[in-house]
C-alpha atoms as a PDB file:
ATOM      1  CA  MET A   1     -40.095  52.329  24.567  1.00  0.00           C
ATOM      2  CA  ALA A   2     -38.341  49.625  22.455  1.00  0.00           C
ATOM      3  CA  LYS A   3     -38.170  46.197  23.626  1.00  0.00           C
ATOM      4  CA  THR A   4     -34.572  44.613  24.537  1.00  0.00           C
ATOM      5  CA  THR A   5     -34.149  41.157  23.240  1.00  0.00           C
ATOM      6  CA  LYS A   6     -31.423  38.757  24.276  1.00  0.00           C
ATOM      7  CA  ARG A   7     -29.503  37.505  21.374  1.00  0.00           C
ATOM      8  CA  ARG A   8     -28.614  33.921  21.197  1.00  0.00           C
ATOM      9  CA  THR A   9     -25.294  32.905  20.919  1.00  0.00           C
ATOM     10  CA  ALA A  10     -24.781  30.559  17.900  1.00  0.00           C
ATOM     11  CA  HIS A  11     -23.596  27.175  19.223  1.00  0.00           C
ATOM     12  CA  THR A  12     -20.206  26.644  18.119  1.00  0.00           C
ATOM     13  CA  THR A  13     -19.879  22.750  17.511  1.00  0.00           C
ATOM     14  CA  THR A  14     -16.451  21.436  17.223  1.00  0.00           C
ATOM     15  CA  LYS A  15     -16.505  18.745  14.499  1.00  0.00           C
ATOM     16  CA  LYS A  16     -14.339  15.783  15.648  1.00  0.00           C
ATOM     17  CA  ALA A  17     -11.642  15.187  13.147  1.00  0.00           C
ATOM     18  CA  PHE A  18     -11.447  11.347  12.462  1.00  0.00           C
ATOM     19  CA  ALA A  19      -8.180  10.033  11.271  1.00  0.00           C
ATOM     20  CA  SER A  20      -8.223   8.142   8.077  1.00  0.00           C
ATOM     21  CA  PRO A  21      -6.828   4.766   8.026  1.00  0.00           C
ATOM     22  CA  PHE A  22      -5.353   5.333   4.547  1.00  0.00           C
ATOM     23  CA  THR A  23      -3.510   8.525   5.646  1.00  0.00           C
ATOM     24  CA  ILE A  24      -0.078   7.406   5.540  1.00  0.00           C
ATOM     25  CA  TYR A  25      -0.217   3.854   4.326  1.00  0.00           C
ATOM     26  CA  MET A  26       2.331   3.538   1.424  1.00  0.00           C
ATOM     27  CA  ASN A  27       5.660   4.394   2.510  1.00  0.00           C
ATOM     28  CA  LYS A  28       9.098   4.373   0.662  1.00  0.00           C
ATOM     29  CA  GLN A  29       9.617   0.861   0.768  1.00  0.00           C
ATOM     30  CA  ASN A  30       5.974   0.384  -0.733  1.00  0.00           C
ATOM     31  CA  TYR A  31       6.702   2.587  -3.656  1.00  0.00           C
ATOM     32  CA  PHE A  32      10.055   0.681  -4.286  1.00  0.00           C
ATOM     33  CA  ILE A  33       8.687  -2.642  -4.650  1.00  0.00           C
ATOM     34  CA  LEU A  34       6.017  -1.046  -6.566  1.00  0.00           C
ATOM     35  CA  ILE A  35       8.533   0.586  -9.257  1.00  0.00           C
ATOM     36  CA  THR A  36      10.260  -2.876  -9.260  1.00  0.00           C
ATOM     37  CA  ALA A  37       7.065  -4.538 -10.340  1.00  0.00           C
ATOM     38  CA  THR A  38       6.620  -1.898 -12.957  1.00  0.00           C
ATOM     39  CA  VAL A  39      10.071  -2.545 -14.226  1.00  0.00           C
ATOM     40  CA  LEU A  40       9.564  -6.363 -14.254  1.00  0.00           C
ATOM     41  CA  LEU A  41       6.180  -6.058 -15.891  1.00  0.00           C
ATOM     42  CA  ILE A  42       7.826  -3.914 -18.669  1.00  0.00           C
ATOM     43  CA  VAL A  43      10.878  -6.484 -18.999  1.00  0.00           C
ATOM     44  CA  GLY A  44       8.190  -9.391 -19.025  1.00  0.00           C
ATOM     45  CA  TYR A  45       6.168  -7.925 -22.021  1.00  0.00           C
ATOM     46  CA  PHE A  46       9.302  -6.908 -24.152  1.00  0.00           C
ATOM     47  CA  VAL A  47      10.682 -10.479 -23.842  1.00  0.00           C
ATOM     48  CA  MET A  48       7.319 -11.748 -24.990  1.00  0.00           C
ATOM     49  CA  SER A  49       7.505  -9.338 -28.079  1.00  0.00           C
ATOM     50  CA  ILE A  50      10.800 -10.901 -29.040  1.00  0.00           C
ATOM     51  CA  ASP A  51      10.392 -12.530 -32.566  1.00  0.00           C
ATOM     52  CA  PRO A  52       9.722 -15.190 -33.334  1.00  0.00           C
ATOM     53  CA  TRP A  53       6.569 -15.715 -31.417  1.00  0.00           C
ATOM     54  CA  ASN A  54       7.544 -19.379 -30.707  1.00  0.00           C
ATOM     55  CA  SER A  55      10.797 -18.617 -29.452  1.00  0.00           C
ATOM     56  CA  THR A  56      11.538 -20.379 -25.554  1.00  0.00           C
ATOM     57  CA  PRO A  57      11.874 -16.768 -24.057  1.00  0.00           C
ATOM     58  CA  ALA A  58       8.293 -15.489 -25.428  1.00  0.00           C
ATOM     59  CA  ILE A  59       6.692 -18.978 -24.621  1.00  0.00           C
ATOM     60  CA  VAL A  60       8.260 -20.055 -21.439  1.00  0.00           C
ATOM     61  CA  ILE A  61      10.470 -17.282 -19.694  1.00  0.00           C
ATOM     62  CA  SER A  62       8.011 -14.370 -20.185  1.00  0.00           C
ATOM     63  CA  PRO A  63       4.873 -15.783 -18.639  1.00  0.00           C
ATOM     64  CA  ILE A  64       7.018 -16.889 -15.487  1.00  0.00           C
ATOM     65  CA  ILE A  65       8.286 -13.164 -15.110  1.00  0.00           C
ATOM     66  CA  LEU A  66       4.910 -11.881 -15.445  1.00  0.00           C
ATOM     67  CA  LEU A  67       3.064 -14.478 -13.365  1.00  0.00           C
ATOM     68  CA  ILE A  68       5.615 -13.875 -10.402  1.00  0.00           C
ATOM     69  CA  VAL A  69       5.124 -10.123 -10.838  1.00  0.00           C
ATOM     70  CA  TYR A  70       1.313 -10.052 -10.665  1.00  0.00           C
ATOM     71  CA  ILE A  71       1.173 -12.884  -8.020  1.00  0.00           C
ATOM     72  CA  LEU A  72       3.802 -12.329  -5.764  1.00  0.00           C
ATOM     73  CA  ILE A  73       5.320  -8.663  -6.028  1.00  0.00           C
ATOM     74  CA  VAL A  74       2.338  -6.595  -6.778  1.00  0.00           C
ATOM     75  CA  PRO A  75       0.317  -7.729  -3.921  1.00  0.00           C
ATOM     76  CA  ALA A  76       3.721  -7.487  -1.592  1.00  0.00           C
ATOM     77  CA  ALA A  77       3.766  -3.693  -2.765  1.00  0.00           C
ATOM     78  CA  ILE A  78       0.181  -3.287  -1.566  1.00  0.00           C
ATOM     79  CA  LEU A  79       0.234  -5.153   1.506  1.00  0.00           C
ATOM     80  CA  TYR A  80       3.666  -4.630   2.747  1.00  0.00           C
ATOM     81  CA  LYS A  81       3.616  -2.617   5.923  1.00  0.00           C
ATOM     82  CA  LYS A  82       6.594  -1.828   8.420  1.00  0.00           C
ATOM     83  CA  LYS A  83       6.068  -2.650  11.906  1.00  0.00           C
ATOM     84  CA  GLY A  84       5.530   0.518  14.197  1.00  0.00           C
ATOM     85  CA  PRO A  85       7.260   0.880  17.722  1.00  0.00           C
ATOM     86  CA  GLU A  86       3.994  -0.304  19.560  1.00  0.00           C
ATOM     87  CA  GLN A  87       3.493  -3.264  17.288  1.00  0.00           C
ATOM     88  CA  LYS A  88       7.386  -4.387  17.951  1.00  0.00           C
ATOM     89  CA  ALA A  89       6.832  -4.175  21.490  1.00  0.00           C
ATOM     90  CA  GLU A  90       3.533  -6.285  21.465  1.00  0.00           C
ATOM     91  CA  GLY A  91       5.411  -9.035  19.195  1.00  0.00           C
ATOM     92  CA  GLU A  92       8.297  -8.864  21.879  1.00  0.00           C
ATOM     93  CA  GLU A  93       5.727  -9.520  24.786  1.00  0.00           C
ATOM     94  CA  VAL A  94       4.093 -12.498  22.823  1.00  0.00           C
ATOM     95  CA  ALA A  95       7.596 -14.021  22.194  1.00  0.00           C
ATOM     96  CA  SER A  96       8.961 -13.409  25.697  1.00  0.00           C
ATOM     97  CA  SER A  97       5.605 -14.895  27.205  1.00  0.00           C
ATOM     98  CA  LYS A  98       5.870 -18.117  24.889  1.00  0.00           C
ATOM     99  CA  SER A  99       9.544 -19.121  26.170  1.00  0.00           C
END
């Protein structure tokens, strides 16, 4: 007679899906700021290339434009995040408790 063996059922482990913190970080406002920074960078380098090389726009205005873009606008495009509904509620609670 043949032996009957019980088959083991394979354990189906469900993998937990971890939400990435970078899923939807950049939104419409971030891209708008980034495009503005790109346009201003192009303008700054164009002004720098104007002849003669020692003109006022090439020496003074262009570096100011580029400095503002690199120090203020590009980091703003990366770091800007619109407040969500739960963050607004927390901010309102803090503001109302201080009053």
